[in-house]
Amino acid sequence: MKRLAACLSALVGMLFVTALASAAIRHEPDDFLLPANSAFSMQSGESEQAYAQMLLEQGVEPRSSKAQIIRMWVEKIRQDPGISAALPGGAQGVSRILLDPETRANVISSGLAHLSAADRLSYVRLLTKLLDELVPVNCFGEVDMSATMKRVTLREMSDADVRQYFELLYKVLTGNARKSPVVLPTSQQYAVAQRQLSRALFIQLGGNQSDFARYQSYARYPATATPADACWATRVTLHAIISMRDPERDFILLRTILQDQQNKNPTGGQTTPAGPPFPAPTQPPGAPEP
């Protein structure tokens, strides 16, 4: 299950920032957020024109409700003193996290770990919804889920999803800033959560023997899996996690996020047990063998 665990860990623990979100924050009319090689004048009128052009290039009408949602949340993120204070370089760090993949990964892992269980679930539900609705069955030919989700743009998302997206991004950044204590499940609690996930996977597969074999084949031989198999297995596992009860569901999510953070920073931060966080699907007691 190591490859599947890695794919899901990357998906759940990635900084869910689309190309347009990055451009929106970096092109706000503020000198420290404009690109260093920008030819845009700092006069407010021309800055507004540049911002509108950026939206148009990304397929968003500058006067649309979606554009207004983007601007409102971008301003909220940029002007939050807690977010600025927590990032290297102060306010400039708000734009830098969108340019540096390693910094993005660290900030998102920390922020997700400090969210409430309800917000972590909302985050995963939104990712799953976008994966289901906006990503083809072969994940654009990618087996890397992070690469897949980078193909999703705000242009394709509904206004409601864009609003929730930025709200969660804001909470992730403020969560990273707060650094409140993270309470991990005990080994016994996590073992119970893994068993519940195994049952949830079995239910998601509907007892279908061919699907069960397909899932196990991907888990055992990921190097030979097609993008369609990787994409399908990821969807199955995410839906299985969402279907779980709390607190076991959040135990899985929290440990997955922290495992991802540990893998990126093996010598620092809080230690989590080694090994893949996702067990193979197993039939409930009394169920027929697949």
Protein backbone atom coordinates (compact mmCIF):
# COMPACT_ATOMS: atom_id res chain seq x y z
CA MET A 1 0.00 0.00 0.00
CA LYS A 2 3.00 2.32 0.08
CA ARG A 3 2.40 3.87 -3.34
CA LEU A 4 -1.30 4.43 -2.67
CA ALA A 5 -0.48 5.89 0.72
CA ALA A 6 2.04 8.23 -0.89
CA CYS A 7 -0.46 9.39 -3.52
CA LEU A 8 -3.16 10.08 -0.98
CA SER A 9 -0.73 11.67 1.43
CA ALA A 10 0.37 14.05 -1.32
CA LEU A 11 -3.22 14.84 -2.25
CA VAL A 12 -4.43 15.43 1.30
CA GLY A 13 -1.27 17.20 2.39
CA MET A 14 -0.65 19.35 -0.67
CA LEU A 15 -1.14 23.10 -0.67
CA PHE A 16 -4.28 23.28 -2.73
CA VAL A 17 -3.38 26.44 -4.66
CA THR A 18 -4.41 26.80 -8.27
CA ALA A 19 -2.48 28.80 -10.82
CA LEU A 20 -5.06 31.58 -10.65
CA ALA A 21 -4.89 31.82 -6.85
CA SER A 22 -1.12 32.23 -7.05
CA ALA A 23 -1.43 34.86 -9.76
CA ALA A 24 -4.20 36.68 -7.91
CA ILE A 25 -2.19 37.15 -4.75
CA ARG A 26 1.03 38.05 -6.55
CA HIS A 27 -0.67 40.60 -8.83
CA GLU A 28 -2.45 42.58 -6.16
CA PRO A 29 -1.60 46.32 -6.43
CA ASP A 30 1.08 46.28 -3.78
CA ASP A 31 4.79 46.65 -4.47
CA PHE A 32 5.94 43.58 -2.53
CA LEU A 33 3.44 41.32 -4.31
CA LEU A 34 4.10 42.31 -7.91
CA PRO A 35 6.64 40.05 -9.67
CA ALA A 36 10.17 41.44 -9.63
CA ASN A 37 10.26 41.62 -13.43
CA SER A 38 6.81 43.17 -13.71
CA ALA A 39 6.42 45.97 -16.24
CA PHE A 40 3.22 47.14 -14.55
CA SER A 41 3.11 50.68 -13.23
CA MET A 42 2.36 51.04 -9.54
CA GLN A 43 -0.31 53.62 -10.25
CA SER A 44 -3.62 52.28 -8.98
CA GLY A 45 -5.43 52.51 -12.30
CA GLU A 46 -2.81 50.54 -14.19
CA SER A 47 -2.52 48.03 -11.35
CA GLU A 48 -6.25 47.42 -11.51
CA GLN A 49 -5.97 46.96 -15.26
CA ALA A 50 -3.16 44.45 -14.77
CA TYR A 51 -5.20 42.56 -12.20
CA ALA A 52 -8.19 42.45 -14.55
CA GLN A 53 -5.96 41.21 -17.37
CA MET A 54 -4.63 38.45 -15.14
CA LEU A 55 -8.20 37.31 -14.40
CA LEU A 56 -9.09 37.35 -18.09
CA GLU A 57 -6.04 35.28 -18.95
CA GLN A 58 -7.23 32.71 -16.45
CA GLY A 59 -10.75 32.67 -17.87
CA VAL A 60 -12.44 34.68 -15.09
CA GLU A 61 -14.49 37.77 -15.97
CA PRO A 62 -13.06 40.64 -13.85
CA ARG A 63 -16.52 42.01 -12.99
CA SER A 64 -18.03 38.63 -12.19
CA SER A 65 -19.09 37.45 -8.75
CA LYS A 66 -16.26 34.93 -8.85
CA ALA A 67 -13.71 37.70 -9.35
CA GLN A 68 -15.21 39.59 -6.38
CA ILE A 69 -14.94 36.49 -4.21
CA ILE A 70 -11.30 36.06 -5.21
CA ARG A 71 -10.44 39.68 -4.46
CA MET A 72 -12.18 39.63 -1.07
CA TRP A 73 -10.32 36.56 0.15
CA VAL A 74 -7.00 37.63 -1.35
CA GLU A 75 -7.26 40.89 0.59
CA LYS A 76 -8.19 39.02 3.76
CA ILE A 77 -5.18 36.71 3.42
CA ARG A 78 -2.76 39.50 2.58
CA GLN A 79 -3.88 41.81 5.38
CA ASP A 80 -4.03 39.26 8.20
CA PRO A 81 -1.25 40.23 10.64
CA GLY A 82 -1.04 36.74 12.10
CA ILE A 83 -0.39 35.14 8.73
CA SER A 84 2.25 37.73 7.84
CA ALA A 85 3.98 37.41 11.21
CA ALA A 86 4.22 33.62 10.94
CA LEU A 87 5.89 33.56 7.53
CA PRO A 88 9.59 34.20 6.85
CA GLY A 89 9.97 37.69 5.45
CA GLY A 90 6.75 38.96 6.98
CA ALA A 91 4.09 40.11 4.55
CA GLN A 92 6.28 39.22 1.58
CA GLY A 93 6.05 35.60 2.67
CA VAL A 94 2.38 35.49 1.70
CA SER A 95 3.33 35.63 -1.96
CA ARG A 96 6.52 33.61 -1.58
CA ILE A 97 4.71 30.52 -0.32
CA LEU A 98 2.98 30.38 -3.70
CA LEU A 99 6.31 30.39 -5.53
CA ASP A 100 8.32 27.93 -3.41
CA PRO A 101 6.99 24.33 -3.55
CA GLU A 102 8.89 23.25 -0.41
CA THR A 103 7.60 26.20 1.61
CA ARG A 104 4.06 25.57 0.35
CA ALA A 105 4.24 21.93 1.43
CA ASN A 106 5.50 22.80 4.91
CA VAL A 107 2.92 25.53 5.48
CA ILE A 108 0.00 23.43 4.29
CA SER A 109 0.97 20.38 6.36
CA SER A 110 1.32 22.50 9.47
CA GLY A 111 -1.88 24.42 8.78
CA LEU A 112 -3.95 21.31 8.10
CA ALA A 113 -2.69 19.66 11.27
CA HIS A 114 -3.87 22.67 13.29
CA LEU A 115 -7.34 22.84 11.76
CA SER A 116 -10.40 21.55 13.56
CA ALA A 117 -11.55 18.06 12.63
CA ALA A 118 -14.59 19.59 10.88
CA ASP A 119 -12.41 21.86 8.74
CA ARG A 120 -10.05 19.02 7.85
CA LEU A 121 -13.05 17.04 6.67
CA SER A 122 -14.33 20.03 4.66
CA TYR A 123 -10.92 20.32 3.02
CA VAL A 124 -10.90 16.65 1.98
CA ARG A 125 -14.53 16.78 0.85
CA LEU A 126 -13.78 19.74 -1.41
CA LEU A 127 -10.72 18.02 -2.88
CA THR A 128 -12.77 14.89 -3.48
CA LYS A 129 -15.61 16.85 -5.10
CA LEU A 130 -13.22 18.59 -7.48
CA LEU A 131 -11.48 15.30 -8.26
CA ASP A 132 -14.85 13.71 -9.05
CA GLU A 133 -16.33 16.59 -11.04
CA LEU A 134 -13.42 18.32 -12.77
CA VAL A 135 -10.83 15.58 -13.31
CA PRO A 136 -11.17 12.92 -16.03
CA VAL A 137 -11.06 9.25 -15.14
CA ASN A 138 -7.39 9.00 -16.14
CA CYS A 139 -6.36 12.07 -14.08
CA PHE A 140 -5.06 13.86 -17.19
CA GLY A 141 -2.65 10.95 -17.71
CA GLU A 142 -0.95 11.61 -14.35
CA VAL A 143 -0.25 9.14 -11.56
CA ASP A 144 0.91 11.95 -9.25
CA MET A 145 -2.19 13.35 -7.56
CA SER A 146 -0.54 16.69 -6.82
CA ALA A 147 0.23 17.11 -10.50
CA THR A 148 -3.35 16.16 -11.29
CA MET A 149 -4.91 18.76 -9.00
CA LYS A 150 -2.67 21.48 -10.40
CA ARG A 151 -4.66 21.09 -13.60
CA VAL A 152 -7.84 22.20 -11.82
CA THR A 153 -8.43 25.95 -12.14
CA LEU A 154 -10.71 28.43 -10.42
CA ARG A 155 -12.29 29.13 -13.81
CA GLU A 156 -13.80 25.63 -13.79
CA MET A 157 -14.97 25.78 -10.19
CA SER A 158 -18.37 27.05 -9.12
CA ASP A 159 -18.61 30.31 -7.17
CA ALA A 160 -19.57 28.35 -4.05
CA ASP A 161 -16.54 26.08 -4.39
CA VAL A 162 -14.24 29.06 -4.99
CA ARG A 163 -15.57 30.71 -1.84
CA GLN A 164 -15.06 27.56 0.21
CA TYR A 165 -11.65 27.03 -1.34
CA PHE A 166 -10.36 30.45 -0.25
CA GLU A 167 -12.01 30.17 3.15
CA LEU A 168 -10.19 26.89 3.75
CA LEU A 169 -6.93 28.29 2.40
CA TYR A 170 -7.30 31.18 4.84
CA LYS A 171 -7.94 28.79 7.72
CA VAL A 172 -4.92 26.69 6.73
CA LEU A 173 -2.68 29.77 6.75
CA THR A 174 -4.03 31.01 10.08
CA GLY A 175 -3.72 27.49 11.48
CA ASN A 176 -0.08 27.46 10.48
CA ALA A 177 0.33 30.80 12.23
CA ARG A 178 -1.31 29.72 15.51
CA LYS A 179 0.77 26.57 16.07
CA SER A 180 -1.67 25.29 18.67
CA PRO A 181 -0.91 21.85 20.19
CA VAL A 182 -1.78 18.85 18.03
CA VAL A 183 -3.26 15.91 19.92
CA LEU A 184 -2.39 12.63 18.23
CA PRO A 185 -4.41 9.44 18.61
CA THR A 186 -2.87 6.66 20.66
CA SER A 187 -1.54 3.56 18.91
CA GLN A 188 -4.66 1.68 19.99
CA GLN A 189 -6.98 4.39 18.67
CA TYR A 190 -5.14 4.47 15.36
CA ALA A 191 -5.34 0.69 15.02
CA VAL A 192 -9.11 0.90 15.48
CA ALA A 193 -9.24 3.66 12.85
CA GLN A 194 -7.28 1.53 10.39
CA ARG A 195 -9.68 -1.36 10.84
CA GLN A 196 -12.62 0.99 10.25
CA LEU A 197 -10.95 2.28 7.08
CA SER A 198 -10.43 -1.28 5.86
CA ARG A 199 -14.15 -1.97 6.29
CA ALA A 200 -15.03 1.33 4.60
CA LEU A 201 -12.85 0.42 1.61
CA PHE A 202 -14.56 -2.95 1.32
CA ILE A 203 -17.97 -1.25 1.35
CA GLN A 204 -16.85 1.30 -1.25
CA LEU A 205 -15.84 -1.54 -3.53
CA GLY A 206 -19.33 -2.97 -3.11
CA GLY A 207 -18.07 -6.50 -2.63
CA ASN A 208 -17.25 -6.55 -6.36
CA GLN A 209 -14.50 -9.12 -6.84
CA SER A 210 -13.06 -7.53 -9.98
CA ASP A 211 -12.86 -4.11 -8.31
CA PHE A 212 -11.33 -5.69 -5.23
CA ALA A 213 -8.70 -7.37 -7.40
CA ARG A 214 -8.07 -4.10 -9.27
CA TYR A 215 -7.55 -2.20 -6.02
CA GLN A 216 -5.19 -4.81 -4.59
CA SER A 217 -3.28 -5.00 -7.85
CA TYR A 218 -2.63 -1.26 -7.77
CA ALA A 219 -1.62 -1.42 -4.11
CA ARG A 220 0.81 -4.30 -4.70
CA TYR A 221 2.22 -3.33 -8.11
CA PRO A 222 2.00 0.47 -8.38
CA ALA A 223 4.88 0.70 -10.85
CA THR A 224 2.79 -1.03 -13.50
CA ALA A 225 -0.46 0.82 -12.76
CA THR A 226 -2.05 3.04 -15.39
CA PRO A 227 -3.11 6.63 -14.61
CA ALA A 228 -6.72 5.42 -14.74
CA ASP A 229 -6.01 2.80 -12.06
CA ALA A 230 -4.18 5.30 -9.83
CA CYS A 231 -6.96 7.84 -10.27
CA TRP A 232 -9.69 5.29 -9.53
CA ALA A 233 -7.92 3.91 -6.44
CA THR A 234 -7.44 7.42 -5.09
CA ARG A 235 -11.13 8.21 -5.52
CA VAL A 236 -12.17 4.96 -3.86
CA THR A 237 -9.95 5.62 -0.85
CA LEU A 238 -11.01 9.24 -0.42
CA HIS A 239 -14.68 8.28 -0.52
CA ALA A 240 -13.99 5.51 1.98
CA ILE A 241 -12.36 7.99 4.37
CA ILE A 242 -15.25 10.45 4.02
CA SER A 243 -17.74 7.67 4.80
CA MET A 244 -16.03 6.83 8.09
CA ARG A 245 -17.23 7.94 11.52
CA ASP A 246 -15.40 10.41 13.68
CA PRO A 247 -13.13 10.43 15.58
CA GLU A 248 -11.59 7.52 13.63
CA ARG A 249 -11.87 9.39 10.34
CA ASP A 250 -9.93 12.36 11.70
CA PHE A 251 -7.34 10.03 13.24
CA ILE A 252 -6.62 8.76 9.72
CA LEU A 253 -6.51 12.26 8.22
CA LEU A 254 -4.39 13.75 10.97
CA ARG A 255 -1.84 10.95 10.97
CA THR A 256 -1.68 11.05 7.16
CA ILE A 257 -0.98 14.79 7.21
CA LEU A 258 1.70 14.47 9.87
CA GLN A 259 3.26 11.48 8.10
CA ASP A 260 3.46 13.57 4.95
CA GLN A 261 5.09 16.39 6.91
CA GLN A 262 7.59 13.98 8.47
CA ASN A 263 8.48 12.55 5.07
CA LYS A 264 9.27 16.07 3.83
CA ASN A 265 11.22 16.94 7.02
CA PRO A 266 12.66 13.64 8.32
CA THR A 267 14.91 15.31 10.89
CA GLY A 268 12.48 17.80 12.38
CA GLY A 269 9.02 18.20 13.77
CA GLN A 270 6.85 15.71 15.55
CA THR A 271 7.52 12.04 15.01
CA THR A 272 4.83 9.74 13.69
CA PRO A 273 5.10 5.96 13.36
CA ALA A 274 6.61 4.68 10.14
CA GLY A 275 4.66 2.70 7.60
CA PRO A 276 1.80 3.38 5.21
CA PRO A 277 -1.24 5.03 6.80
CA PHE A 278 -3.75 3.18 4.62
CA PRO A 279 -4.47 -0.53 5.13
CA ALA A 280 -5.65 -2.85 2.39
CA PRO A 281 -9.41 -3.30 2.07
CA THR A 282 -10.56 -6.25 4.14
CA GLN A 283 -13.95 -7.85 4.40
CA PRO A 284 -15.91 -7.44 7.63
CA PRO A 285 -16.19 -10.51 9.88
CA GLY A 286 -18.43 -13.08 8.23
CA ALA A 287 -18.17 -11.53 4.77
CA PRO A 288 -17.28 -13.83 1.86
CA GLU A 289 -13.70 -13.90 0.67
CA PRO A 290 -13.21 -11.82 -2.49
